[in-house]
């Protein structure tokens, strides 16, 4: 599935899903109980990706929702300053803008706590979708967490249908957050219901396995079931199953190893990453997605698009926040050129 340049539209990318305030520990390496202060940023997987795409130079829009609260003001202000179009993102009376609190204990411990009870973005409705110009974009991207509750689940599926009918490429980032689901198997069921409308799937090995999950015996939750999950299984078989259900492309995110491109009827292609020293892994996958989507929209080869994604992800793991750390075009190209180029 090599990218093809699409006709001009109002937006290059249109993202849908969660947004909120991220509170990141300033005490790098400290145990969570010893944290003394936090830095406030904006986060949420589709939100991070919209900022990443915008900073690379794409015309990006975001359909999310905010509470009528100062946290919503904080998030909306940042996105407006970044140039992401949020004109169609509503305020939800009686709902709260969500938040996330993160500890940072590199290289591999990042305890994450979500505060999403009664949150605004999960209340996105079909009427909100109808009020947004979903079809006026080359790419429509959403996250698996959108499907965790109603009315967001139906609204997202409806938006994907509209985008597909309008000729947009529909991209699903699996975004498996186990504590957002009443049962890990529900994640797989919901994701599989969306695959007939999806052209591209992006996810880690664990997320791909979770998308085909039918038995919880293969799930090992960590961080007290708060932030992470390890899902065993034959990932290659699960990729093939995903491709059989509709998408033309699965992009498997491999962390420091880069990524692997899977297409129907072709051998997988490994695309190497850029070795760096890790400070914080959160947001790296979203940065990868932004870089990959930039190359896709511009009609690059999948290999080159993935290399740009790998470079963006590598830069973000060396930084503190998520959306605030998304690289700009000039800096990511300089980073890649110093390390052999794209």
C-alpha atoms as a PDB file:
ATOM      1  CA  UNK A   1       0.000   0.000   0.000  1.00  0.00           C
ATOM      2  CA  UNK A   2       2.245   2.790  -1.189  1.00  0.00           C
ATOM      3  CA  UNK A   3       0.889   6.281  -0.428  1.00  0.00           C
ATOM      4  CA  UNK A   4      -0.707   8.278  -3.204  1.00  0.00           C
ATOM      5  CA  UNK A   5      -1.104  12.041  -3.233  1.00  0.00           C
ATOM      6  CA  UNK A   6      -4.737  12.949  -2.685  1.00  0.00           C
ATOM      7  CA  UNK A   7      -6.535  16.049  -3.962  1.00  0.00           C
ATOM      8  CA  UNK A   8      -6.309  19.233  -1.896  1.00  0.00           C
ATOM      9  CA  UNK A   9      -8.664  19.358   1.063  1.00  0.00           C
ATOM     10  CA  UNK A  10      -9.183  21.693   3.986  1.00  0.00           C
ATOM     11  CA  UNK A  11      -7.065  19.462   6.243  1.00  0.00           C
ATOM     12  CA  UNK A  12      -4.225  17.031   5.782  1.00  0.00           C
ATOM     13  CA  UNK A  13      -5.069  15.126   8.973  1.00  0.00           C
ATOM     14  CA  UNK A  14      -8.169  15.064  11.168  1.00  0.00           C
ATOM     15  CA  UNK A  15      -7.777  13.424  14.582  1.00  0.00           C
ATOM     16  CA  UNK A  16     -10.477  12.280  17.020  1.00  0.00           C
ATOM     17  CA  UNK A  17     -10.269  11.221  20.639  1.00  0.00           C
ATOM     18  CA  UNK A  18      -8.949  11.913  24.080  1.00  0.00           C
ATOM     19  CA  UNK A  19      -7.277  15.055  25.345  1.00  0.00           C
ATOM     20  CA  UNK A  20      -6.347  16.298  28.766  1.00  0.00           C
ATOM     21  CA  UNK A  21      -3.756  17.751  31.099  1.00  0.00           C
ATOM     22  CA  UNK A  22      -0.616  15.682  31.691  1.00  0.00           C
ATOM     23  CA  UNK A  23       1.223  16.114  35.011  1.00  0.00           C
ATOM     24  CA  UNK A  24       4.777  14.802  34.537  1.00  0.00           C
ATOM     25  CA  UNK A  25       7.115  14.211  37.447  1.00  0.00           C
ATOM     26  CA  UNK A  26       9.972  16.704  37.610  1.00  0.00           C
ATOM     27  CA  UNK A  27      11.910  14.284  39.801  1.00  0.00           C
ATOM     28  CA  UNK A  28      13.438  11.985  37.215  1.00  0.00           C
ATOM     29  CA  UNK A  29      14.220   8.593  38.697  1.00  0.00           C
ATOM     30  CA  UNK A  30      12.282   9.170  41.913  1.00  0.00           C
ATOM     31  CA  UNK A  31       9.799   6.621  43.170  1.00  0.00           C
ATOM     32  CA  UNK A  32       6.218   7.782  42.724  1.00  0.00           C
ATOM     33  CA  UNK A  33       5.811   8.225  46.492  1.00  0.00           C
ATOM     34  CA  UNK A  34       8.866  10.508  46.543  1.00  0.00           C
ATOM     35  CA  UNK A  35       7.785  12.901  43.766  1.00  0.00           C
ATOM     36  CA  UNK A  36       7.848  16.523  44.952  1.00  0.00           C
ATOM     37  CA  UNK A  37       6.640  18.428  41.874  1.00  0.00           C
ATOM     38  CA  UNK A  38       5.079  18.008  38.440  1.00  0.00           C
ATOM     39  CA  UNK A  39       5.153  19.904  35.145  1.00  0.00           C
ATOM     40  CA  UNK A  40       1.825  20.525  33.393  1.00  0.00           C
ATOM     41  CA  UNK A  41       1.488  19.681  29.691  1.00  0.00           C
ATOM     42  CA  UNK A  42      -1.233  18.719  27.222  1.00  0.00           C
ATOM     43  CA  UNK A  43      -1.688  15.065  26.264  1.00  0.00           C
ATOM     44  CA  UNK A  44      -3.943  12.348  24.892  1.00  0.00           C
ATOM     45  CA  UNK A  45      -2.907  10.144  21.989  1.00  0.00           C
ATOM     46  CA  UNK A  46      -4.869  11.751  19.104  1.00  0.00           C
ATOM     47  CA  UNK A  47      -4.131  15.184  20.580  1.00  0.00           C
ATOM     48  CA  UNK A  48      -0.399  14.505  20.647  1.00  0.00           C
ATOM     49  CA  UNK A  49      -0.545  13.263  17.076  1.00  0.00           C
ATOM     50  CA  UNK A  50      -2.432  16.366  15.904  1.00  0.00           C
ATOM     51  CA  UNK A  51       0.259  18.592  17.438  1.00  0.00           C
ATOM     52  CA  UNK A  52       3.020  16.449  15.952  1.00  0.00           C
ATOM     53  CA  UNK A  53       1.505  16.664  12.469  1.00  0.00           C
ATOM     54  CA  UNK A  54       1.001  20.404  12.794  1.00  0.00           C
ATOM     55  CA  UNK A  55       4.581  21.022  13.913  1.00  0.00           C
ATOM     56  CA  UNK A  56       5.845  19.124  10.875  1.00  0.00           C
ATOM     57  CA  UNK A  57       3.836  21.467   8.670  1.00  0.00           C
ATOM     58  CA  UNK A  58       0.548  19.691   8.002  1.00  0.00           C
ATOM     59  CA  UNK A  59      -2.895  21.287   8.290  1.00  0.00           C
ATOM     60  CA  UNK A  60      -4.363  19.401  11.235  1.00  0.00           C
ATOM     61  CA  UNK A  61      -7.677  19.423  13.086  1.00  0.00           C
ATOM     62  CA  UNK A  62      -8.812  17.692  16.269  1.00  0.00           C
ATOM     63  CA  UNK A  63     -12.262  16.566  17.366  1.00  0.00           C
ATOM     64  CA  UNK A  64     -12.144  16.165  21.132  1.00  0.00           C
ATOM     65  CA  UNK A  65     -14.224  17.600  23.968  1.00  0.00           C
ATOM     66  CA  UNK A  66     -13.479  19.697  27.034  1.00  0.00           C
ATOM     67  CA  UNK A  67     -15.269  20.251  30.283  1.00  0.00           C
ATOM     68  CA  UNK A  68     -16.396  23.729  31.225  1.00  0.00           C
ATOM     69  CA  UNK A  69     -13.419  24.019  33.528  1.00  0.00           C
ATOM     70  CA  UNK A  70      -9.966  25.652  33.766  1.00  0.00           C
ATOM     71  CA  UNK A  71      -8.284  22.409  32.703  1.00  0.00           C
ATOM     72  CA  UNK A  72     -10.254  22.566  29.466  1.00  0.00           C
ATOM     73  CA  UNK A  73      -9.148  26.183  29.058  1.00  0.00           C
ATOM     74  CA  UNK A  74      -5.526  25.081  29.537  1.00  0.00           C
ATOM     75  CA  UNK A  75      -5.748  22.360  26.890  1.00  0.00           C
ATOM     76  CA  UNK A  76      -7.691  24.462  24.368  1.00  0.00           C
ATOM     77  CA  UNK A  77      -5.287  27.397  24.781  1.00  0.00           C
ATOM     78  CA  UNK A  78      -2.253  25.231  24.038  1.00  0.00           C
ATOM     79  CA  UNK A  79      -3.816  23.638  20.977  1.00  0.00           C
ATOM     80  CA  UNK A  80      -4.893  27.013  19.607  1.00  0.00           C
ATOM     81  CA  UNK A  81      -1.372  28.366  20.061  1.00  0.00           C
ATOM     82  CA  UNK A  82      -0.013  25.336  18.213  1.00  0.00           C
ATOM     83  CA  UNK A  83      -2.296  26.008  15.257  1.00  0.00           C
ATOM     84  CA  UNK A  84      -4.374  22.827  15.566  1.00  0.00           C
ATOM     85  CA  UNK A  85      -7.960  23.554  14.493  1.00  0.00           C
ATOM     86  CA  UNK A  86     -10.246  22.764  17.442  1.00  0.00           C
ATOM     87  CA  UNK A  87     -13.179  24.892  16.247  1.00  0.00           C
ATOM     88  CA  UNK A  88     -15.423  21.813  16.216  1.00  0.00           C
ATOM     89  CA  UNK A  89     -14.422  20.466  19.652  1.00  0.00           C
ATOM     90  CA  UNK A  90     -17.316  21.124  22.048  1.00  0.00           C
ATOM     91  CA  UNK A  91     -17.527  21.875  25.749  1.00  0.00           C
ATOM     92  CA  UNK A  92     -19.520  19.274  27.674  1.00  0.00           C
ATOM     93  CA  UNK A  93     -21.525  20.699  30.631  1.00  0.00           C
ATOM     94  CA  UNK A  94     -21.337  18.495  33.690  1.00  0.00           C
ATOM     95  CA  UNK A  95     -18.214  16.734  32.427  1.00  0.00           C
ATOM     96  CA  UNK A  96     -14.556  17.195  33.370  1.00  0.00           C
ATOM     97  CA  UNK A  97     -11.505  17.569  31.160  1.00  0.00           C
ATOM     98  CA  UNK A  98      -9.396  14.499  31.848  1.00  0.00           C
ATOM     99  CA  UNK A  99      -5.943  14.351  33.433  1.00  0.00           C
ATOM    100  CA  UNK A 100      -2.985  11.983  33.651  1.00  0.00           C
ATOM    101  CA  UNK A 101      -0.255  11.798  36.305  1.00  0.00           C
ATOM    102  CA  UNK A 102       3.079  10.231  35.346  1.00  0.00           C
ATOM    103  CA  UNK A 103       6.142   9.120  37.248  1.00  0.00           C
ATOM    104  CA  UNK A 104       9.435   8.896  35.336  1.00  0.00           C
ATOM    105  CA  UNK A 105      11.903   6.184  36.334  1.00  0.00           C
ATOM    106  CA  UNK A 106      13.964   5.460  33.227  1.00  0.00           C
ATOM    107  CA  UNK A 107      14.742   3.339  31.388  1.00  0.00           C
ATOM    108  CA  UNK A 108      11.639   1.187  31.740  1.00  0.00           C
ATOM    109  CA  UNK A 109       9.375   2.258  34.614  1.00  0.00           C
ATOM    110  CA  UNK A 110       6.809   4.967  33.972  1.00  0.00           C
ATOM    111  CA  UNK A 111       3.864   4.566  36.380  1.00  0.00           C
ATOM    112  CA  UNK A 112       0.819   6.250  34.849  1.00  0.00           C
ATOM    113  CA  UNK A 113      -2.482   7.137  36.500  1.00  0.00           C
ATOM    114  CA  UNK A 114      -5.528   8.207  34.451  1.00  0.00           C
ATOM    115  CA  UNK A 115      -8.270  10.468  35.820  1.00  0.00           C
ATOM    116  CA  UNK A 116     -11.068   9.957  33.321  1.00  0.00           C
ATOM    117  CA  UNK A 117     -14.204   9.444  35.398  1.00  0.00           C
ATOM    118  CA  UNK A 118     -17.018  11.442  33.768  1.00  0.00           C
ATOM    119  CA  UNK A 119     -14.532  12.920  31.304  1.00  0.00           C
ATOM    120  CA  UNK A 120     -15.628  15.141  28.444  1.00  0.00           C
ATOM    121  CA  UNK A 121     -14.023  13.491  25.417  1.00  0.00           C
ATOM    122  CA  UNK A 122     -15.675  10.113  26.023  1.00  0.00           C
ATOM    123  CA  UNK A 123     -19.017  11.957  25.666  1.00  0.00           C
ATOM    124  CA  UNK A 124     -18.397  12.848  22.012  1.00  0.00           C
ATOM    125  CA  UNK A 125     -21.574  12.037  20.094  1.00  0.00           C
ATOM    126  CA  UNK A 126     -22.742  11.415  16.569  1.00  0.00           C
ATOM    127  CA  UNK A 127     -24.122  14.976  16.555  1.00  0.00           C
ATOM    128  CA  UNK A 128     -20.606  16.253  17.349  1.00  0.00           C
ATOM    129  CA  UNK A 129     -19.280  14.251  14.407  1.00  0.00           C
ATOM    130  CA  UNK A 130     -21.940  15.677  12.090  1.00  0.00           C
ATOM    131  CA  UNK A 131     -20.961  19.200  13.159  1.00  0.00           C
ATOM    132  CA  UNK A 132     -17.316  18.585  12.183  1.00  0.00           C
ATOM    133  CA  UNK A 133     -15.940  18.505   8.605  1.00  0.00           C
ATOM    134  CA  UNK A 134     -14.632  14.954   8.906  1.00  0.00           C
ATOM    135  CA  UNK A 135     -14.726  14.402   5.152  1.00  0.00           C
ATOM    136  CA  UNK A 136     -12.609  17.473   4.414  1.00  0.00           C
ATOM    137  CA  UNK A 137      -9.346  15.742   5.246  1.00  0.00           C
ATOM    138  CA  UNK A 138      -6.927  13.437   3.502  1.00  0.00           C
ATOM    139  CA  UNK A 139      -6.462  11.301   6.631  1.00  0.00           C
ATOM    140  CA  UNK A 140      -8.861  10.575   9.488  1.00  0.00           C
ATOM    141  CA  UNK A 141      -7.123   9.145  12.571  1.00  0.00           C
ATOM    142  CA  UNK A 142      -8.609   7.843  15.802  1.00  0.00           C
ATOM    143  CA  UNK A 143      -7.496   5.837  18.830  1.00  0.00           C
ATOM    144  CA  UNK A 144      -8.663   2.550  20.303  1.00  0.00           C
ATOM    145  CA  UNK A 145      -9.540   4.237  23.596  1.00  0.00           C
ATOM    146  CA  UNK A 146     -12.333   6.078  21.742  1.00  0.00           C
ATOM    147  CA  UNK A 147     -14.145   2.742  21.592  1.00  0.00           C
ATOM    148  CA  UNK A 148     -14.052   2.020  25.330  1.00  0.00           C
ATOM    149  CA  UNK A 149     -17.420   3.641  26.169  1.00  0.00           C
ATOM    150  CA  UNK A 150     -20.558   5.073  24.647  1.00  0.00           C
ATOM    151  CA  UNK A 151     -21.365   7.520  23.135  1.00  0.00           C
ATOM    152  CA  UNK A 152     -17.769   7.923  21.935  1.00  0.00           C
ATOM    153  CA  UNK A 153     -17.710   4.394  20.515  1.00  0.00           C
ATOM    154  CA  UNK A 154     -20.652   4.906  18.161  1.00  0.00           C
ATOM    155  CA  UNK A 155     -19.547   8.438  17.300  1.00  0.00           C
ATOM    156  CA  UNK A 156     -16.082   7.239  16.327  1.00  0.00           C
ATOM    157  CA  UNK A 157     -17.366   4.374  14.193  1.00  0.00           C
ATOM    158  CA  UNK A 158     -19.764   6.793  12.519  1.00  0.00           C
ATOM    159  CA  UNK A 159     -16.913   9.254  11.861  1.00  0.00           C
ATOM    160  CA  UNK A 160     -14.788   6.486  10.340  1.00  0.00           C
ATOM    161  CA  UNK A 161     -17.658   5.559   8.018  1.00  0.00           C
ATOM    162  CA  UNK A 162     -18.090   9.182   6.934  1.00  0.00           C
ATOM    163  CA  UNK A 163     -14.365   9.604   6.355  1.00  0.00           C
ATOM    164  CA  UNK A 164     -14.140   6.414   4.310  1.00  0.00           C
ATOM    165  CA  UNK A 165     -17.123   7.446   2.149  1.00  0.00           C
ATOM    166  CA  UNK A 166     -15.473  10.822   1.558  1.00  0.00           C
ATOM    167  CA  UNK A 167     -12.316   9.137   0.279  1.00  0.00           C
ATOM    168  CA  UNK A 168     -10.082   9.820   3.292  1.00  0.00           C
ATOM    169  CA  UNK A 169      -7.561   7.267   4.506  1.00  0.00           C
ATOM    170  CA  UNK A 170      -8.742   5.968   7.888  1.00  0.00           C
ATOM    171  CA  UNK A 171      -5.994   5.301  10.440  1.00  0.00           C
ATOM    172  CA  UNK A 172      -6.541   3.471  13.740  1.00  0.00           C
ATOM    173  CA  UNK A 173      -3.875   3.756  16.428  1.00  0.00           C
ATOM    174  CA  UNK A 174      -4.648   0.858  18.757  1.00  0.00           C
ATOM    175  CA  UNK A 175      -3.762   2.761  21.965  1.00  0.00           C
ATOM    176  CA  UNK A 176      -4.535  -0.095  24.386  1.00  0.00           C
ATOM    177  CA  UNK A 177      -4.988   1.349  27.903  1.00  0.00           C
ATOM    178  CA  UNK A 178      -6.159  -1.617  30.003  1.00  0.00           C
ATOM    179  CA  UNK A 179      -7.671   0.395  32.842  1.00  0.00           C
ATOM    180  CA  UNK A 180     -10.026   2.094  30.390  1.00  0.00           C
ATOM    181  CA  UNK A 181     -11.793  -1.220  29.697  1.00  0.00           C
ATOM    182  CA  UNK A 182     -14.019  -3.289  31.954  1.00  0.00           C
ATOM    183  CA  UNK A 183     -12.470  -6.434  30.419  1.00  0.00           C
ATOM    184  CA  UNK A 184      -9.328  -6.699  28.225  1.00  0.00           C
ATOM    185  CA  UNK A 185     -11.262  -8.895  25.797  1.00  0.00           C
ATOM    186  CA  UNK A 186     -13.666  -6.011  25.198  1.00  0.00           C
ATOM    187  CA  UNK A 187     -10.797  -4.054  23.649  1.00  0.00           C
ATOM    188  CA  UNK A 188     -10.285  -6.698  20.990  1.00  0.00           C
ATOM    189  CA  UNK A 189     -13.991  -6.995  20.304  1.00  0.00           C
ATOM    190  CA  UNK A 190     -14.345  -3.240  19.849  1.00  0.00           C
ATOM    191  CA  UNK A 191     -11.254  -2.897  17.678  1.00  0.00           C
ATOM    192  CA  UNK A 192     -12.335  -5.717  15.391  1.00  0.00           C
ATOM    193  CA  UNK A 193     -15.701  -3.992  14.918  1.00  0.00           C
ATOM    194  CA  UNK A 194     -13.852  -0.976  13.484  1.00  0.00           C
ATOM    195  CA  UNK A 195     -11.570  -2.783  11.058  1.00  0.00           C
ATOM    196  CA  UNK A 196     -13.938  -2.743   8.083  1.00  0.00           C
ATOM    197  CA  UNK A 197     -13.537   1.063   8.031  1.00  0.00           C
ATOM    198  CA  UNK A 198      -9.788   1.163   8.701  1.00  0.00           C
ATOM    199  CA  UNK A 199      -7.084   1.364   6.046  1.00  0.00           C
ATOM    200  CA  UNK A 200      -4.032   1.545   8.327  1.00  0.00           C
ATOM    201  CA  UNK A 201      -3.460   0.076  11.797  1.00  0.00           C
ATOM    202  CA  UNK A 202      -0.650   1.288  14.054  1.00  0.00           C
ATOM    203  CA  UNK A 203       0.315  -0.412  17.307  1.00  0.00           C
ATOM    204  CA  UNK A 204       2.912  -2.150  19.426  1.00  0.00           C
ATOM    205  CA  UNK A 205       3.323  -5.918  19.644  1.00  0.00           C
ATOM    206  CA  UNK A 206       1.232  -5.986  22.832  1.00  0.00           C
ATOM    207  CA  UNK A 207      -1.490  -3.867  21.264  1.00  0.00           C
ATOM    208  CA  UNK A 208      -1.658  -6.032  18.153  1.00  0.00           C
ATOM    209  CA  UNK A 209      -1.988  -9.137  20.311  1.00  0.00           C
ATOM    210  CA  UNK A 210      -4.642  -7.406  22.428  1.00  0.00           C
ATOM    211  CA  UNK A 211      -6.615  -6.534  19.295  1.00  0.00           C
ATOM    212  CA  UNK A 212      -7.061 -10.264  18.658  1.00  0.00           C
ATOM    213  CA  UNK A 213      -7.506 -11.159  22.332  1.00  0.00           C
ATOM    214  CA  UNK A 214     -10.166 -13.710  23.258  1.00  0.00           C
ATOM    215  CA  UNK A 215      -8.664 -15.219  26.428  1.00  0.00           C
ATOM    216  CA  UNK A 216      -7.399 -13.235  29.437  1.00  0.00           C
ATOM    217  CA  UNK A 217      -4.908 -15.968  30.345  1.00  0.00           C
ATOM    218  CA  UNK A 218      -2.466 -14.351  27.907  1.00  0.00           C
ATOM    219  CA  UNK A 219      -2.634 -10.945  29.629  1.00  0.00           C
ATOM    220  CA  UNK A 220      -0.179  -9.825  32.288  1.00  0.00           C
ATOM    221  CA  UNK A 221      -1.013  -6.423  33.746  1.00  0.00           C
ATOM    222  CA  UNK A 222       1.712  -4.374  35.409  1.00  0.00           C
ATOM    223  CA  UNK A 223       1.870  -1.206  37.533  1.00  0.00           C
ATOM    224  CA  UNK A 224      -1.107  -2.528  39.539  1.00  0.00           C
ATOM    225  CA  UNK A 225      -3.221  -2.673  36.368  1.00  0.00           C
ATOM    226  CA  UNK A 226      -2.909   1.104  36.021  1.00  0.00           C
ATOM    227  CA  UNK A 227      -0.849   1.854  32.994  1.00  0.00           C
ATOM    228  CA  UNK A 228       0.465  -1.094  31.079  1.00  0.00           C
ATOM    229  CA  UNK A 229      -0.181  -4.598  29.857  1.00  0.00           C
ATOM    230  CA  UNK A 230       1.812  -7.395  28.313  1.00  0.00           C
ATOM    231  CA  UNK A 231      -0.210  -9.557  25.975  1.00  0.00           C
ATOM    232  CA  UNK A 232       1.426 -12.710  24.691  1.00  0.00           C
ATOM    233  CA  UNK A 233       0.603 -14.441  21.450  1.00  0.00           C
ATOM    234  CA  UNK A 234       1.796 -15.093  17.932  1.00  0.00           C
ATOM    235  CA  UNK A 235       2.087 -11.509  16.719  1.00  0.00           C
ATOM    236  CA  UNK A 236       2.748 -12.473  13.095  1.00  0.00           C
ATOM    237  CA  UNK A 237      -0.455 -14.523  13.004  1.00  0.00           C
ATOM    238  CA  UNK A 238      -2.390 -11.705  14.627  1.00  0.00           C
ATOM    239  CA  UNK A 239      -1.096  -9.226  12.062  1.00  0.00           C
ATOM    240  CA  UNK A 240      -2.277 -11.563   9.297  1.00  0.00           C
ATOM    241  CA  UNK A 241      -5.665 -11.807  10.992  1.00  0.00           C
ATOM    242  CA  UNK A 242      -5.946  -8.020  11.180  1.00  0.00           C
ATOM    243  CA  UNK A 243      -5.105  -7.688   7.491  1.00  0.00           C
ATOM    244  CA  UNK A 244      -7.706 -10.319   6.622  1.00  0.00           C
ATOM    245  CA  UNK A 245     -10.359  -8.224   8.385  1.00  0.00           C
ATOM    246  CA  UNK A 246      -9.963  -5.203   6.134  1.00  0.00           C
ATOM    247  CA  UNK A 247      -6.943  -2.929   6.613  1.00  0.00           C
ATOM    248  CA  UNK A 248      -4.340  -2.819   3.867  1.00  0.00           C
ATOM    249  CA  UNK A 249      -1.436  -1.963   6.162  1.00  0.00           C
ATOM    250  CA  UNK A 250      -0.335  -2.727   9.727  1.00  0.00           C
ATOM    251  CA  UNK A 251       2.563  -0.698  11.120  1.00  0.00           C
ATOM    252  CA  UNK A 252       4.061  -2.487  14.119  1.00  0.00           C
ATOM    253  CA  UNK A 253       5.911  -0.128  16.463  1.00  0.00           C
ATOM    254  CA  UNK A 254       9.051  -1.786  17.862  1.00  0.00           C
ATOM    255  CA  UNK A 255      10.453   0.912  20.161  1.00  0.00           C
ATOM    256  CA  UNK A 256      14.208   1.363  19.874  1.00  0.00           C
ATOM    257  CA  UNK A 257      14.297  -1.206  17.031  1.00  0.00           C
ATOM    258  CA  UNK A 258      12.137   1.037  14.833  1.00  0.00           C
ATOM    259  CA  UNK A 259       9.075  -0.476  13.200  1.00  0.00           C
ATOM    260  CA  UNK A 260       7.886  -3.273  10.930  1.00  0.00           C
ATOM    261  CA  UNK A 261       5.619  -2.701   7.931  1.00  0.00           C
ATOM    262  CA  UNK A 262       3.089  -5.416   7.132  1.00  0.00           C
ATOM    263  CA  UNK A 263       1.103  -5.484   3.885  1.00  0.00           C
ATOM    264  CA  UNK A 264      -1.217  -8.122   2.526  1.00  0.00           C
ATOM    265  CA  UNK A 265       0.638 -10.511   0.236  1.00  0.00           C
ATOM    266  CA  UNK A 266       4.102  -9.095   0.962  1.00  0.00           C
ATOM    267  CA  UNK A 267       6.949 -10.005   3.283  1.00  0.00           C
ATOM    268  CA  UNK A 268       7.247  -7.755   6.350  1.00  0.00           C
ATOM    269  CA  UNK A 269       9.753  -4.909   6.067  1.00  0.00           C
ATOM    270  CA  UNK A 270      11.813  -3.813   9.069  1.00  0.00           C
ATOM    271  CA  UNK A 271      12.610  -0.107   9.207  1.00  0.00           C
ATOM    272  CA  UNK A 272      15.457   0.656  11.642  1.00  0.00           C
ATOM    273  CA  UNK A 273      15.185   3.239  14.389  1.00  0.00           C
ATOM    274  CA  UNK A 274      17.593   5.834  15.752  1.00  0.00           C
ATOM    275  CA  UNK A 275      19.419   4.815  18.972  1.00  0.00           C
ATOM    276  CA  UNK A 276      19.126   7.408  21.772  1.00  0.00           C
ATOM    277  CA  UNK A 277      19.226   7.572  25.564  1.00  0.00           C
ATOM    278  CA  UNK A 278      15.700   7.246  26.952  1.00  0.00           C
ATOM    279  CA  UNK A 279      14.290   9.774  29.420  1.00  0.00           C
ATOM    280  CA  UNK A 280      10.544   9.152  28.934  1.00  0.00           C
ATOM    281  CA  UNK A 281       8.849   6.734  26.548  1.00  0.00           C
ATOM    282  CA  UNK A 282       5.358   8.242  26.825  1.00  0.00           C
ATOM    283  CA  UNK A 283       4.356  10.043  23.641  1.00  0.00           C
ATOM    284  CA  UNK A 284       6.977   8.369  21.482  1.00  0.00           C
ATOM    285  CA  UNK A 285       4.403   6.252  19.670  1.00  0.00           C
ATOM    286  CA  UNK A 286       2.292   9.319  18.963  1.00  0.00           C
ATOM    287  CA  UNK A 287       5.347  11.147  17.616  1.00  0.00           C
ATOM    288  CA  UNK A 288       6.031   8.133  15.399  1.00  0.00           C
ATOM    289  CA  UNK A 289       2.450   8.305  14.141  1.00  0.00           C
ATOM    290  CA  UNK A 290       2.751  11.995  13.315  1.00  0.00           C
ATOM    291  CA  UNK A 291       5.955  11.482  11.363  1.00  0.00           C
ATOM    292  CA  UNK A 292       4.566   8.488   9.519  1.00  0.00           C
ATOM    293  CA  UNK A 293       1.378  10.362   8.597  1.00  0.00           C
ATOM    294  CA  UNK A 294       3.406  13.305   7.310  1.00  0.00           C
ATOM    295  CA  UNK A 295       5.259  11.041   4.905  1.00  0.00           C
ATOM    296  CA  UNK A 296       2.069   9.255   3.945  1.00  0.00           C
ATOM    297  CA  UNK A 297       0.233  12.490   3.136  1.00  0.00           C
ATOM    298  CA  UNK A 298       3.215  13.729   1.130  1.00  0.00           C
ATOM    299  CA  UNK A 299       3.245  10.566  -0.973  1.00  0.00           C
ATOM    300  CA  UNK A 300       6.552   9.214   0.294  1.00  0.00           C
ATOM    301  CA  UNK A 301       7.439   5.541   0.235  1.00  0.00           C
ATOM    302  CA  UNK A 302       6.295   3.649   3.310  1.00  0.00           C
ATOM    303  CA  UNK A 303       9.926   3.040   4.255  1.00  0.00           C
ATOM    304  CA  UNK A 304      10.806   6.730   4.207  1.00  0.00           C
ATOM    305  CA  UNK A 305       7.600   7.687   6.028  1.00  0.00           C
ATOM    306  CA  UNK A 306       8.411   5.124   8.723  1.00  0.00           C
ATOM    307  CA  UNK A 307      11.972   6.415   9.046  1.00  0.00           C
ATOM    308  CA  UNK A 308      10.623   9.902   9.694  1.00  0.00           C
ATOM    309  CA  UNK A 309       8.259   8.414  12.256  1.00  0.00           C
ATOM    310  CA  UNK A 310      11.155   6.606  13.921  1.00  0.00           C
ATOM    311  CA  UNK A 311      13.151   9.838  14.068  1.00  0.00           C
ATOM    312  CA  UNK A 312      10.252  11.732  15.649  1.00  0.00           C
ATOM    313  CA  UNK A 313       9.741   8.985  18.225  1.00  0.00           C
ATOM    314  CA  UNK A 314      13.455   8.852  19.051  1.00  0.00           C
ATOM    315  CA  UNK A 315      13.534  12.584  19.696  1.00  0.00           C
ATOM    316  CA  UNK A 316      10.527  12.488  22.012  1.00  0.00           C
ATOM    317  CA  UNK A 317      11.932   9.724  24.259  1.00  0.00           C
ATOM    318  CA  UNK A 318      14.822  12.059  25.106  1.00  0.00           C
ATOM    319  CA  UNK A 319      12.421  14.789  26.309  1.00  0.00           C
ATOM    320  CA  UNK A 320      10.095  15.373  29.237  1.00  0.00           C
ATOM    321  CA  UNK A 321       6.530  15.767  27.926  1.00  0.00           C
ATOM    322  CA  UNK A 322       4.375  14.468  25.077  1.00  0.00           C
ATOM    323  CA  UNK A 323       2.708  17.142  22.941  1.00  0.00           C
ATOM    324  CA  UNK A 324       5.147  19.834  24.061  1.00  0.00           C
ATOM    325  CA  UNK A 325       8.011  17.590  22.916  1.00  0.00           C
ATOM    326  CA  UNK A 326       6.784  16.861  19.388  1.00  0.00           C
ATOM    327  CA  UNK A 327       9.587  17.913  17.020  1.00  0.00           C
ATOM    328  CA  UNK A 328       9.377  20.574  14.351  1.00  0.00           C
ATOM    329  CA  UNK A 329      10.314  19.806  10.750  1.00  0.00           C
ATOM    330  CA  UNK A 330      13.749  21.470  10.712  1.00  0.00           C
ATOM    331  CA  UNK A 331      14.938  19.837  13.928  1.00  0.00           C
ATOM    332  CA  UNK A 332      13.823  16.314  13.059  1.00  0.00           C
ATOM    333  CA  UNK A 333      15.452  16.500   9.635  1.00  0.00           C
ATOM    334  CA  UNK A 334      18.682  17.744  11.238  1.00  0.00           C
ATOM    335  CA  UNK A 335      18.464  14.910  13.778  1.00  0.00           C
ATOM    336  CA  UNK A 336      17.991  12.308  11.042  1.00  0.00           C
ATOM    337  CA  UNK A 337      20.699  13.750   8.784  1.00  0.00           C
ATOM    338  CA  UNK A 338      23.218  13.562  11.612  1.00  0.00           C
ATOM    339  CA  UNK A 339      22.434   9.845  11.904  1.00  0.00           C
ATOM    340  CA  UNK A 340      22.437   8.724   8.303  1.00  0.00           C
ATOM    341  CA  UNK A 341      19.261  10.397   7.025  1.00  0.00           C
ATOM    342  CA  UNK A 342      15.861   9.039   6.140  1.00  0.00           C
END
